[in-house]
Amino acid sequence: MLSLIAAFIGGWVFSAGLAHRRARHDTETLLYLSKHPGSYGLELINAKVAGGRGSIYVRLARLEDEGLLTSVQESGGPERGFAPRRRYFIKDLGLAALRIETARMRGSDG
């Protein structure tokens, strides 16, 4: 029974760590887009904004689904082999969430 409780608590701590990291990465992404509107996902990767190539696009899609971002797909030109790409913009709701989260983070810093 004790090992079951320890496993539950360990899982909760692990999940809380993931949630904290996700909130931090989301905040970094929103902060970058607030300063660089219309950025491409690759620009966020090159700026080393929270995560790697695979995770940034998942994060951007999730933040867009949550109504914090919007994106515009552009058709690609010959320099890109005609591959389309997306520009990302932070919405007013994203700016509000960013203000709340940065205030919360400042408060927890002591």
Protein backbone atom coordinates (compact mmCIF):
# COMPACT_ATOMS: atom_id res chain seq x y z
CA MET A 1 0.00 0.00 0.00
CA LEU A 2 2.82 2.38 0.87
CA SER A 3 4.48 1.81 -2.51
CA LEU A 4 1.17 2.62 -4.24
CA ILE A 5 0.91 5.91 -2.35
CA ALA A 6 4.55 6.73 -3.14
CA ALA A 7 3.95 6.01 -6.83
CA PHE A 8 0.87 8.27 -6.83
CA ILE A 9 2.73 11.13 -5.14
CA GLY A 10 5.71 10.65 -7.45
CA GLY A 11 3.41 10.78 -10.47
CA TRP A 12 1.73 13.92 -9.17
CA VAL A 13 5.07 15.65 -8.64
CA PHE A 14 6.19 14.58 -12.11
CA SER A 15 2.93 15.85 -13.67
CA ALA A 16 3.21 19.14 -11.80
CA GLY A 17 6.74 19.52 -13.15
CA LEU A 18 5.52 18.95 -16.69
CA ALA A 19 2.69 21.45 -16.21
CA HIS A 20 5.13 24.03 -14.86
CA ARG A 21 7.51 23.46 -17.78
CA ARG A 22 4.63 23.69 -20.26
CA ALA A 23 3.47 26.98 -18.72
CA ARG A 24 7.02 28.33 -18.87
CA HIS A 25 7.44 27.28 -22.51
CA ASP A 26 4.03 28.72 -23.43
CA THR A 27 4.98 32.00 -21.74
CA GLU A 28 8.32 32.12 -23.58
CA THR A 29 6.53 31.50 -26.88
CA LEU A 30 3.92 34.21 -26.24
CA LEU A 31 6.61 36.64 -25.09
CA TYR A 32 8.65 36.07 -28.25
CA LEU A 33 5.62 36.57 -30.48
CA SER A 34 4.63 39.72 -28.60
CA LYS A 35 8.04 41.18 -29.47
CA HIS A 36 8.31 39.61 -32.96
CA PRO A 37 4.81 39.51 -34.48
CA GLY A 38 4.50 37.55 -37.69
CA SER A 39 7.33 35.17 -36.90
CA TYR A 40 7.66 31.78 -38.50
CA GLY A 41 8.01 28.63 -36.42
CA LEU A 42 11.58 28.23 -37.65
CA GLU A 43 12.42 31.69 -36.30
CA LEU A 44 11.26 30.58 -32.85
CA ILE A 45 13.41 27.45 -33.15
CA ASN A 46 16.45 29.47 -34.23
CA ALA A 47 15.88 31.89 -31.33
CA LYS A 48 15.90 28.85 -29.01
CA VAL A 49 12.40 29.60 -27.75
CA ALA A 50 11.26 26.73 -25.54
CA GLY A 51 11.66 23.42 -27.21
CA GLY A 52 12.90 21.95 -30.40
CA ARG A 53 11.66 21.61 -33.93
CA GLY A 54 8.99 19.03 -33.17
CA SER A 55 7.59 20.55 -30.01
CA ILE A 56 7.33 24.17 -31.18
CA TYR A 57 4.79 23.38 -33.90
CA VAL A 58 2.69 21.32 -31.50
CA ARG A 59 2.83 24.19 -29.00
CA LEU A 60 1.93 26.79 -31.63
CA ALA A 61 -1.05 24.72 -32.80
CA ARG A 62 -2.25 24.22 -29.20
CA LEU A 63 -1.91 27.94 -28.38
CA GLU A 64 -3.83 28.75 -31.54
CA ASP A 65 -6.56 26.25 -30.60
CA GLU A 66 -6.77 27.93 -27.19
CA GLY A 67 -7.35 31.29 -28.91
CA LEU A 68 -4.08 32.88 -27.79
CA LEU A 69 -2.49 33.01 -31.25
CA THR A 70 -3.56 33.25 -34.82
CA SER A 71 -1.66 32.24 -37.91
CA VAL A 72 -1.67 33.03 -41.59
CA GLN A 73 -0.47 30.52 -44.14
CA GLU A 74 1.63 31.97 -46.93
CA SER A 75 2.26 30.28 -50.22
CA GLY A 76 5.90 29.49 -50.74
CA GLY A 77 8.06 31.03 -53.38
CA PRO A 78 10.68 29.46 -55.60
CA GLU A 79 13.37 30.09 -52.96
CA ARG A 80 11.51 27.65 -50.66
CA GLY A 81 10.62 25.12 -53.32
CA PHE A 82 7.06 26.50 -53.21
CA ALA A 83 6.50 25.01 -49.74
CA PRO A 84 3.94 27.02 -47.75
CA ARG A 85 4.70 28.32 -44.28
CA ARG A 86 2.82 30.02 -41.44
CA ARG A 87 3.31 33.37 -39.73
CA TYR A 88 2.16 33.50 -36.10
CA PHE A 89 0.63 36.48 -34.32
CA ILE A 90 -0.33 36.86 -30.68
CA LYS A 91 -3.97 37.83 -30.08
CA ASP A 92 -5.34 40.16 -27.39
CA LEU A 93 -6.29 37.13 -25.31
CA GLY A 94 -2.70 35.89 -25.61
CA LEU A 95 -1.37 39.26 -24.44
CA ALA A 96 -3.72 39.15 -21.44
CA ALA A 97 -2.61 35.60 -20.61
CA LEU A 98 1.03 36.69 -20.94
CA ARG A 99 0.50 39.59 -18.50
CA ILE A 100 -1.19 37.29 -15.99
CA GLU A 101 1.46 34.60 -16.24
CA THR A 102 4.41 36.99 -15.98
CA ALA A 103 2.79 38.62 -12.92
CA ARG A 104 2.28 35.17 -11.39
CA MET A 105 5.88 34.22 -12.10
CA ARG A 106 7.17 37.46 -10.56
CA GLY A 107 5.05 36.78 -7.48
CA SER A 108 6.44 33.27 -7.07
CA ASP A 109 10.04 34.55 -7.36
CA GLY A 110 9.58 36.19 -3.99
